[in-house]
Amino acid sequence: MISHFEKCKEAARHERAIGALTQRTGVSLAEARVLFDQEFARLARGATVHSYLVTRAASNVLTALRGKRCELPSGTA
């Protein structure tokens, strides 16, 4: 069973990762939180080791946001 203290530490890790995403990409805090939470939940479903989920989720979101930023709008080239 996870203690209250561990839950608080995990929540703090999530918030630090989300804050870093907003600083590095310029997206809003709300958007970063939604994207991070979705990716974290996706990764957690099949995870057996949870030590690096926060880092991996943040990395995946960062990669996705960077790719999204580099896409050209349709009809331009």
C-alpha atoms as a PDB file:
ATOM      1  CA  MET A   1       0.000   0.000   0.000  1.00  0.00           C
ATOM      2  CA  ILE A   2       1.258   3.467  -0.881  1.00  0.00           C
ATOM      3  CA  SER A   3       1.512   5.896   2.029  1.00  0.00           C
ATOM      4  CA  HIS A   4       0.136   9.408   1.994  1.00  0.00           C
ATOM      5  CA  PHE A   5       3.710  10.696   2.018  1.00  0.00           C
ATOM      6  CA  GLU A   6       4.578   8.691  -1.117  1.00  0.00           C
ATOM      7  CA  LYS A   7       1.450   9.972  -2.879  1.00  0.00           C
ATOM      8  CA  CYS A   8       2.471  13.547  -2.068  1.00  0.00           C
ATOM      9  CA  LYS A   9       5.999  12.950  -3.357  1.00  0.00           C
ATOM     10  CA  GLU A  10       4.603  11.473  -6.568  1.00  0.00           C
ATOM     11  CA  ALA A  11       2.231  14.417  -7.035  1.00  0.00           C
ATOM     12  CA  ALA A  12       5.149  16.825  -6.562  1.00  0.00           C
ATOM     13  CA  ARG A  13       7.153  14.949  -9.233  1.00  0.00           C
ATOM     14  CA  HIS A  14       4.214  15.260 -11.621  1.00  0.00           C
ATOM     15  CA  GLU A  15       3.897  18.989 -10.988  1.00  0.00           C
ATOM     16  CA  ARG A  16       7.628  19.564 -11.521  1.00  0.00           C
ATOM     17  CA  ALA A  17       7.496  17.662 -14.813  1.00  0.00           C
ATOM     18  CA  ILE A  18       4.426  19.597 -15.953  1.00  0.00           C
ATOM     19  CA  GLY A  19       6.054  22.898 -14.993  1.00  0.00           C
ATOM     20  CA  ALA A  20       9.174  21.976 -16.947  1.00  0.00           C
ATOM     21  CA  LEU A  21       7.047  21.155 -19.987  1.00  0.00           C
ATOM     22  CA  THR A  22       5.397  24.576 -19.880  1.00  0.00           C
ATOM     23  CA  GLN A  23       8.759  26.325 -19.577  1.00  0.00           C
ATOM     24  CA  ARG A  24      10.416  24.335 -22.352  1.00  0.00           C
ATOM     25  CA  THR A  25       7.564  24.459 -24.861  1.00  0.00           C
ATOM     26  CA  GLY A  26       5.517  27.543 -24.033  1.00  0.00           C
ATOM     27  CA  VAL A  27       2.225  25.614 -23.848  1.00  0.00           C
ATOM     28  CA  SER A  28      -0.258  26.543 -21.174  1.00  0.00           C
ATOM     29  CA  LEU A  29      -0.156  24.845 -17.802  1.00  0.00           C
ATOM     30  CA  ALA A  30      -3.608  23.367 -18.433  1.00  0.00           C
ATOM     31  CA  GLU A  31      -2.583  21.876 -21.787  1.00  0.00           C
ATOM     32  CA  ALA A  32       0.658  20.481 -20.396  1.00  0.00           C
ATOM     33  CA  ARG A  33      -1.218  18.926 -17.470  1.00  0.00           C
ATOM     34  CA  VAL A  34      -3.780  17.229 -19.723  1.00  0.00           C
ATOM     35  CA  LEU A  35      -1.133  15.875 -22.092  1.00  0.00           C
ATOM     36  CA  PHE A  36       1.087  14.681 -19.256  1.00  0.00           C
ATOM     37  CA  ASP A  37      -1.771  13.025 -17.382  1.00  0.00           C
ATOM     38  CA  GLN A  38      -2.929  11.203 -20.526  1.00  0.00           C
ATOM     39  CA  GLU A  39       0.557   9.974 -21.349  1.00  0.00           C
ATOM     40  CA  PHE A  40       1.301   8.969 -17.762  1.00  0.00           C
ATOM     41  CA  ALA A  41      -1.934   6.966 -17.582  1.00  0.00           C
ATOM     42  CA  ARG A  42      -1.160   5.285 -20.917  1.00  0.00           C
ATOM     43  CA  LEU A  43       2.308   4.257 -19.783  1.00  0.00           C
ATOM     44  CA  ALA A  44       1.170   3.199 -16.301  1.00  0.00           C
ATOM     45  CA  ARG A  45      -1.371   0.706 -17.677  1.00  0.00           C
ATOM     46  CA  GLY A  46       1.293  -1.716 -18.862  1.00  0.00           C
ATOM     47  CA  ALA A  47       4.135  -0.788 -16.549  1.00  0.00           C
ATOM     48  CA  THR A  48       5.703  -3.238 -14.150  1.00  0.00           C
ATOM     49  CA  VAL A  49       8.421  -0.816 -13.045  1.00  0.00           C
ATOM     50  CA  HIS A  50       7.106   2.622 -12.119  1.00  0.00           C
ATOM     51  CA  SER A  51      10.379   4.336 -11.218  1.00  0.00           C
ATOM     52  CA  TYR A  52      10.777   6.196 -14.500  1.00  0.00           C
ATOM     53  CA  LEU A  53       7.180   6.781 -15.541  1.00  0.00           C
ATOM     54  CA  VAL A  54       7.228  10.504 -14.772  1.00  0.00           C
ATOM     55  CA  THR A  55      10.425  11.003 -16.760  1.00  0.00           C
ATOM     56  CA  ARG A  56       9.233   8.880 -19.667  1.00  0.00           C
ATOM     57  CA  ALA A  57       5.807  10.521 -19.800  1.00  0.00           C
ATOM     58  CA  ALA A  58       7.355  14.010 -19.777  1.00  0.00           C
ATOM     59  CA  SER A  59       9.826  12.994 -22.489  1.00  0.00           C
ATOM     60  CA  ASN A  60       7.062  11.602 -24.694  1.00  0.00           C
ATOM     61  CA  VAL A  61       4.952  14.738 -24.292  1.00  0.00           C
ATOM     62  CA  LEU A  62       7.948  16.971 -25.029  1.00  0.00           C
ATOM     63  CA  THR A  63       8.713  14.994 -28.182  1.00  0.00           C
ATOM     64  CA  ALA A  64       5.088  15.186 -29.301  1.00  0.00           C
ATOM     65  CA  LEU A  65       4.907  18.938 -28.684  1.00  0.00           C
ATOM     66  CA  ARG A  66       8.146  19.558 -30.529  1.00  0.00           C
ATOM     67  CA  GLY A  67       6.877  17.532 -33.494  1.00  0.00           C
ATOM     68  CA  LYS A  68       3.596  19.415 -33.442  1.00  0.00           C
ATOM     69  CA  ARG A  69       5.445  22.755 -33.458  1.00  0.00           C
ATOM     70  CA  CYS A  70       7.518  21.730 -36.485  1.00  0.00           C
ATOM     71  CA  GLU A  71       4.538  20.722 -38.625  1.00  0.00           C
ATOM     72  CA  LEU A  72       3.606  23.152 -41.359  1.00  0.00           C
ATOM     73  CA  PRO A  73      -0.056  24.064 -41.747  1.00  0.00           C
ATOM     74  CA  SER A  74      -1.664  22.288 -44.686  1.00  0.00           C
ATOM     75  CA  GLY A  75      -1.493  24.171 -47.947  1.00  0.00           C
ATOM     76  CA  THR A  76       1.873  25.799 -47.212  1.00  0.00           C
ATOM     77  CA  ALA A  77       5.259  24.665 -48.400  1.00  0.00           C
END
